[in-house]
């Protein structure tokens, strides 16, 4: 039996970024449904159309990728990025004109 060690190079962050049309009621409803889906899947709102989620590796990323793909709205653009936990901890953030301190990454993976 092989044991896979969870390290900052295996643990990942998934970012879902999207630009969805909202010019009609149906489009706005589809965009809201997609946002709610992401929240239900454990993603957190990072910015207006950017949602992030922590996962334990490539296999779990592939699972979330399939789930997102299965819930895409009919129109609009969706981009999905991944970063290792080590890469994510080096992201530089600004709020207004001030640099924000680095976000603390989870100490452990929560399993539900």
N, C-alpha and C. Protein backbone atom coordinates (compact mmCIF):
# COMPACT_ATOMS: atom_id res chain seq x y z
N UNK A 1 0.84 -1.18 0.00
CA UNK A 1 0.00 0.00 0.00
C UNK A 1 0.89 1.24 0.00
N UNK A 2 0.61 2.17 -0.89
CA UNK A 2 1.37 3.41 -0.93
C UNK A 2 0.59 4.51 -0.21
N UNK A 3 1.30 5.33 0.50
CA UNK A 3 0.69 6.44 1.22
C UNK A 3 1.10 7.72 0.51
N UNK A 4 0.12 8.53 0.14
CA UNK A 4 0.40 9.80 -0.51
C UNK A 4 0.44 10.87 0.56
N UNK A 5 1.58 11.54 0.65
CA UNK A 5 1.73 12.59 1.64
C UNK A 5 1.13 13.89 1.12
N UNK A 6 0.32 14.53 1.96
CA UNK A 6 -0.28 15.81 1.58
C UNK A 6 0.70 16.92 1.91
N UNK A 7 1.20 17.58 0.89
CA UNK A 7 2.14 18.68 1.08
C UNK A 7 1.61 19.91 0.38
N UNK A 8 2.27 21.03 0.61
CA UNK A 8 1.89 22.29 -0.04
C UNK A 8 2.05 22.24 -1.55
N UNK A 9 2.73 21.22 -2.04
CA UNK A 9 2.90 21.08 -3.49
C UNK A 9 1.82 20.18 -4.09
N UNK A 10 1.15 19.40 -3.25
CA UNK A 10 0.06 18.53 -3.71
C UNK A 10 -1.30 19.17 -3.46
N UNK A 11 -1.45 19.82 -2.32
CA UNK A 11 -2.70 20.51 -1.99
C UNK A 11 -2.89 21.66 -2.97
N UNK A 12 -4.13 21.91 -3.34
CA UNK A 12 -4.39 22.87 -4.42
C UNK A 12 -5.51 23.84 -4.07
N UNK A 13 -5.51 24.93 -4.78
CA UNK A 13 -6.60 25.90 -4.79
C UNK A 13 -7.18 25.93 -6.19
N UNK A 14 -8.49 25.95 -6.27
CA UNK A 14 -9.20 26.06 -7.54
C UNK A 14 -9.84 27.44 -7.59
N UNK A 15 -9.62 28.16 -8.67
CA UNK A 15 -10.28 29.44 -8.89
C UNK A 15 -11.19 29.33 -10.10
N UNK A 16 -12.45 29.70 -9.93
CA UNK A 16 -13.41 29.75 -11.03
C UNK A 16 -13.71 31.22 -11.27
N UNK A 17 -13.39 31.69 -12.47
CA UNK A 17 -13.62 33.08 -12.85
C UNK A 17 -14.61 33.07 -14.01
N UNK A 18 -15.56 34.00 -13.97
CA UNK A 18 -16.55 33.97 -15.03
C UNK A 18 -17.06 35.36 -15.37
N UNK A 19 -17.51 35.46 -16.61
CA UNK A 19 -18.15 36.65 -17.14
C UNK A 19 -19.42 36.16 -17.83
N UNK A 20 -20.55 36.33 -17.14
CA UNK A 20 -21.81 35.79 -17.64
C UNK A 20 -22.76 36.93 -18.02
N UNK A 21 -23.48 36.78 -19.11
CA UNK A 21 -24.43 37.83 -19.49
C UNK A 21 -25.60 37.90 -18.51
N UNK A 22 -26.06 39.12 -18.24
CA UNK A 22 -27.19 39.30 -17.32
C UNK A 22 -28.16 40.36 -17.87
N UNK A 23 -28.26 40.44 -19.19
CA UNK A 23 -29.11 41.47 -19.80
C UNK A 23 -30.59 41.10 -19.80
N UNK A 24 -30.90 39.82 -19.66
CA UNK A 24 -32.31 39.41 -19.57
C UNK A 24 -32.54 38.76 -18.20
N UNK A 25 -33.81 38.63 -17.83
CA UNK A 25 -34.13 37.98 -16.56
C UNK A 25 -33.65 36.54 -16.54
N UNK A 26 -33.79 35.85 -17.66
CA UNK A 26 -33.36 34.45 -17.73
C UNK A 26 -31.84 34.34 -17.56
N UNK A 27 -31.09 35.25 -18.18
CA UNK A 27 -29.63 35.23 -18.05
C UNK A 27 -29.21 35.55 -16.61
N UNK A 28 -29.86 36.54 -16.00
CA UNK A 28 -29.54 36.90 -14.61
C UNK A 28 -29.84 35.72 -13.68
N UNK A 29 -30.93 35.03 -13.93
CA UNK A 29 -31.30 33.87 -13.13
C UNK A 29 -30.27 32.76 -13.29
N UNK A 30 -29.81 32.53 -14.52
CA UNK A 30 -28.80 31.50 -14.78
C UNK A 30 -27.47 31.86 -14.08
N UNK A 31 -27.10 33.13 -14.13
CA UNK A 31 -25.86 33.58 -13.47
C UNK A 31 -25.96 33.38 -11.96
N UNK A 32 -27.10 33.74 -11.38
CA UNK A 32 -27.29 33.56 -9.94
C UNK A 32 -27.30 32.08 -9.56
N UNK A 33 -27.91 31.26 -10.39
CA UNK A 33 -27.94 29.82 -10.14
C UNK A 33 -26.50 29.25 -10.14
N UNK A 34 -25.66 29.74 -11.07
CA UNK A 34 -24.27 29.28 -11.14
C UNK A 34 -23.50 29.71 -9.89
N UNK A 35 -23.68 30.96 -9.45
CA UNK A 35 -23.03 31.44 -8.22
C UNK A 35 -23.46 30.59 -7.01
N UNK A 36 -24.75 30.33 -6.92
CA UNK A 36 -25.26 29.52 -5.80
C UNK A 36 -24.71 28.09 -5.85
N UNK A 37 -24.58 27.54 -7.06
CA UNK A 37 -23.99 26.22 -7.21
C UNK A 37 -22.57 26.21 -6.66
N UNK A 38 -21.77 27.22 -7.02
CA UNK A 38 -20.38 27.29 -6.54
C UNK A 38 -20.34 27.35 -5.01
N UNK A 39 -21.19 28.17 -4.42
CA UNK A 39 -21.23 28.27 -2.96
C UNK A 39 -21.63 26.93 -2.34
N UNK A 40 -22.60 26.25 -2.93
CA UNK A 40 -23.03 24.94 -2.44
C UNK A 40 -21.92 23.90 -2.53
N UNK A 41 -21.01 24.07 -3.48
CA UNK A 41 -19.89 23.15 -3.67
C UNK A 41 -18.69 23.49 -2.77
N UNK A 42 -18.85 24.52 -1.93
CA UNK A 42 -17.79 24.87 -0.99
C UNK A 42 -16.84 25.94 -1.47
N UNK A 43 -17.15 26.58 -2.60
CA UNK A 43 -16.32 27.69 -3.07
C UNK A 43 -16.65 28.94 -2.26
N UNK A 44 -15.66 29.80 -2.07
CA UNK A 44 -15.87 31.07 -1.40
C UNK A 44 -15.70 32.20 -2.40
N UNK A 45 -16.50 33.23 -2.24
CA UNK A 45 -16.41 34.38 -3.12
C UNK A 45 -15.13 35.15 -2.80
N UNK A 46 -14.25 35.28 -3.79
CA UNK A 46 -13.01 36.03 -3.64
C UNK A 46 -13.20 37.45 -4.14
N UNK A 47 -13.83 37.58 -5.29
CA UNK A 47 -14.24 38.86 -5.87
C UNK A 47 -15.58 38.61 -6.54
N UNK A 48 -16.16 39.63 -7.17
CA UNK A 48 -17.52 39.51 -7.68
C UNK A 48 -17.74 38.27 -8.54
N UNK A 49 -16.88 38.01 -9.48
CA UNK A 49 -17.04 36.85 -10.36
C UNK A 49 -15.84 35.91 -10.27
N UNK A 50 -15.26 35.82 -9.08
CA UNK A 50 -14.12 34.94 -8.83
C UNK A 50 -14.39 34.17 -7.54
N UNK A 51 -14.41 32.85 -7.65
CA UNK A 51 -14.67 31.99 -6.50
C UNK A 51 -13.51 31.02 -6.34
N UNK A 52 -13.15 30.71 -5.09
CA UNK A 52 -11.99 29.85 -4.82
C UNK A 52 -12.38 28.73 -3.87
N UNK A 53 -11.66 27.62 -4.01
CA UNK A 53 -11.88 26.46 -3.14
C UNK A 53 -10.58 25.71 -2.95
N UNK A 54 -10.37 25.23 -1.75
CA UNK A 54 -9.20 24.43 -1.39
C UNK A 54 -9.53 22.96 -1.65
N UNK A 55 -8.59 22.20 -2.18
CA UNK A 55 -8.82 20.76 -2.37
C UNK A 55 -7.53 19.99 -2.12
N UNK A 56 -7.64 18.67 -2.00
CA UNK A 56 -6.49 17.86 -1.60
C UNK A 56 -5.69 17.25 -2.74
N UNK A 57 -5.80 17.78 -3.93
CA UNK A 57 -4.97 17.27 -5.01
C UNK A 57 -5.66 17.21 -6.35
N UNK A 58 -4.95 16.71 -7.32
CA UNK A 58 -5.42 16.68 -8.70
C UNK A 58 -6.69 15.85 -8.88
N UNK A 59 -6.80 14.74 -8.18
CA UNK A 59 -7.98 13.90 -8.32
C UNK A 59 -9.24 14.65 -7.87
N UNK A 60 -9.14 15.32 -6.72
CA UNK A 60 -10.30 16.07 -6.24
C UNK A 60 -10.58 17.26 -7.16
N UNK A 61 -9.52 17.89 -7.70
CA UNK A 61 -9.71 18.97 -8.67
C UNK A 61 -10.52 18.46 -9.86
N UNK A 62 -10.17 17.28 -10.38
CA UNK A 62 -10.87 16.72 -11.54
C UNK A 62 -12.36 16.50 -11.22
N UNK A 63 -12.65 16.08 -9.99
CA UNK A 63 -14.04 15.89 -9.57
C UNK A 63 -14.79 17.22 -9.61
N UNK A 64 -14.19 18.26 -9.04
CA UNK A 64 -14.85 19.58 -9.04
C UNK A 64 -14.95 20.15 -10.45
N UNK A 65 -13.95 19.90 -11.27
CA UNK A 65 -13.99 20.36 -12.66
C UNK A 65 -15.20 19.76 -13.39
N UNK A 66 -15.42 18.46 -13.22
CA UNK A 66 -16.58 17.80 -13.84
C UNK A 66 -17.89 18.38 -13.31
N UNK A 67 -17.95 18.65 -12.00
CA UNK A 67 -19.17 19.22 -11.42
C UNK A 67 -19.46 20.61 -11.98
N UNK A 68 -18.41 21.44 -12.05
CA UNK A 68 -18.59 22.79 -12.61
C UNK A 68 -19.02 22.69 -14.06
N UNK A 69 -18.35 21.84 -14.83
CA UNK A 69 -18.69 21.67 -16.24
C UNK A 69 -20.14 21.24 -16.42
N UNK A 70 -20.62 20.40 -15.54
CA UNK A 70 -22.00 19.94 -15.62
C UNK A 70 -23.03 20.98 -15.22
N UNK A 71 -22.58 22.10 -14.66
CA UNK A 71 -23.50 23.14 -14.20
C UNK A 71 -23.25 24.49 -14.86
N UNK A 72 -22.55 24.48 -16.00
CA UNK A 72 -22.26 25.73 -16.70
C UNK A 72 -23.54 26.34 -17.27
N UNK A 73 -23.67 27.67 -17.20
CA UNK A 73 -24.79 28.33 -17.88
C UNK A 73 -24.64 28.18 -19.39
N UNK A 74 -25.72 28.39 -20.11
CA UNK A 74 -25.70 28.23 -21.57
C UNK A 74 -24.79 29.25 -22.25
N UNK A 75 -24.66 30.43 -21.67
CA UNK A 75 -23.87 31.49 -22.31
C UNK A 75 -22.85 32.03 -21.33
N UNK A 76 -21.85 32.72 -21.88
CA UNK A 76 -20.84 33.36 -21.05
C UNK A 76 -19.52 32.61 -21.08
N UNK A 77 -18.56 33.18 -20.39
CA UNK A 77 -17.21 32.61 -20.33
C UNK A 77 -16.88 32.22 -18.90
N UNK A 78 -16.29 31.03 -18.74
CA UNK A 78 -15.86 30.54 -17.44
C UNK A 78 -14.43 30.05 -17.60
N UNK A 79 -13.56 30.49 -16.70
CA UNK A 79 -12.16 30.06 -16.69
C UNK A 79 -11.87 29.43 -15.34
N UNK A 80 -11.14 28.32 -15.35
CA UNK A 80 -10.79 27.64 -14.12
C UNK A 80 -9.28 27.53 -14.05
N UNK A 81 -8.73 28.01 -12.93
CA UNK A 81 -7.29 27.96 -12.70
C UNK A 81 -7.01 27.14 -11.46
N UNK A 82 -5.82 26.55 -11.39
CA UNK A 82 -5.39 25.87 -10.17
C UNK A 82 -4.02 26.41 -9.76
N UNK A 83 -3.82 26.43 -8.46
CA UNK A 83 -2.54 26.81 -7.88
C UNK A 83 -2.23 25.80 -6.79
N UNK A 84 -0.97 25.45 -6.64
CA UNK A 84 -0.62 24.65 -5.48
C UNK A 84 -0.74 25.54 -4.25
N UNK A 85 -0.85 24.92 -3.10
CA UNK A 85 -0.95 25.67 -1.85
C UNK A 85 0.29 26.56 -1.68
N UNK A 86 1.46 26.05 -2.07
CA UNK A 86 2.70 26.83 -1.96
C UNK A 86 2.65 28.06 -2.87
N UNK A 87 2.12 27.92 -4.08
CA UNK A 87 2.00 29.07 -4.97
C UNK A 87 1.00 30.08 -4.43
N UNK A 88 -0.11 29.59 -3.89
CA UNK A 88 -1.17 30.45 -3.39
C UNK A 88 -0.69 31.32 -2.23
N UNK A 89 0.17 30.77 -1.38
CA UNK A 89 0.61 31.55 -0.22
C UNK A 89 1.48 32.73 -0.63
N UNK A 90 1.95 32.78 -1.87
CA UNK A 90 2.77 33.90 -2.35
C UNK A 90 1.99 34.96 -3.12
N UNK A 91 0.67 34.82 -3.20
CA UNK A 91 -0.14 35.81 -3.92
C UNK A 91 -0.10 37.13 -3.17
N UNK A 92 0.13 38.21 -3.90
CA UNK A 92 0.16 39.55 -3.32
C UNK A 92 -1.21 40.17 -3.52
N UNK A 93 -1.77 40.72 -2.43
CA UNK A 93 -3.12 41.28 -2.46
C UNK A 93 -3.08 42.75 -2.09
N UNK A 94 -3.93 43.53 -2.77
CA UNK A 94 -4.09 44.94 -2.45
C UNK A 94 -5.57 45.22 -2.24
N UNK A 95 -5.86 46.10 -1.32
CA UNK A 95 -7.21 46.59 -1.10
C UNK A 95 -7.11 48.10 -1.10
N UNK A 96 -7.71 48.73 -2.11
CA UNK A 96 -7.47 50.17 -2.29
C UNK A 96 -6.02 50.35 -2.65
N UNK A 97 -5.35 51.21 -1.95
CA UNK A 97 -3.93 51.45 -2.22
C UNK A 97 -3.03 50.76 -1.20
N UNK A 98 -3.59 49.93 -0.35
CA UNK A 98 -2.81 49.28 0.70
C UNK A 98 -2.63 47.78 0.42
N UNK A 99 -1.42 47.36 0.69
CA UNK A 99 -1.11 45.93 0.57
C UNK A 99 -1.72 45.20 1.75
N UNK A 100 -2.42 44.12 1.46
CA UNK A 100 -3.03 43.31 2.51
C UNK A 100 -2.06 42.23 2.95
N UNK A 101 -2.14 41.86 4.22
CA UNK A 101 -1.26 40.78 4.68
C UNK A 101 -1.71 39.47 4.05
N UNK A 102 -0.77 38.54 3.95
CA UNK A 102 -1.06 37.27 3.30
C UNK A 102 -2.14 36.51 4.05
N UNK A 103 -2.99 35.86 3.27
CA UNK A 103 -4.06 35.04 3.83
C UNK A 103 -3.46 33.78 4.41
N UNK A 104 -3.97 33.36 5.55
CA UNK A 104 -3.50 32.12 6.16
C UNK A 104 -4.18 30.95 5.46
N UNK A 105 -3.39 30.03 4.97
CA UNK A 105 -3.92 28.82 4.34
C UNK A 105 -4.41 27.87 5.42
N UNK A 106 -5.37 27.02 5.11
CA UNK A 106 -5.86 26.07 6.12
C UNK A 106 -4.73 25.18 6.64
N UNK A 107 -4.74 24.91 7.95
CA UNK A 107 -3.74 24.03 8.53
C UNK A 107 -4.00 22.58 8.19
N UNK A 108 -5.27 22.25 7.97
CA UNK A 108 -5.61 20.88 7.64
C UNK A 108 -6.81 20.86 6.72
N UNK A 109 -6.98 19.77 6.07
CA UNK A 109 -8.08 19.61 5.13
C UNK A 109 -9.32 19.12 5.89
N UNK A 110 -10.42 19.82 5.73
CA UNK A 110 -11.67 19.40 6.38
C UNK A 110 -12.38 18.40 5.49
N UNK A 111 -12.76 17.28 6.05
CA UNK A 111 -13.46 16.25 5.29
C UNK A 111 -14.91 16.21 5.75
N UNK A 112 -15.83 16.16 4.79
CA UNK A 112 -17.26 16.13 5.11
C UNK A 112 -17.87 14.84 4.64
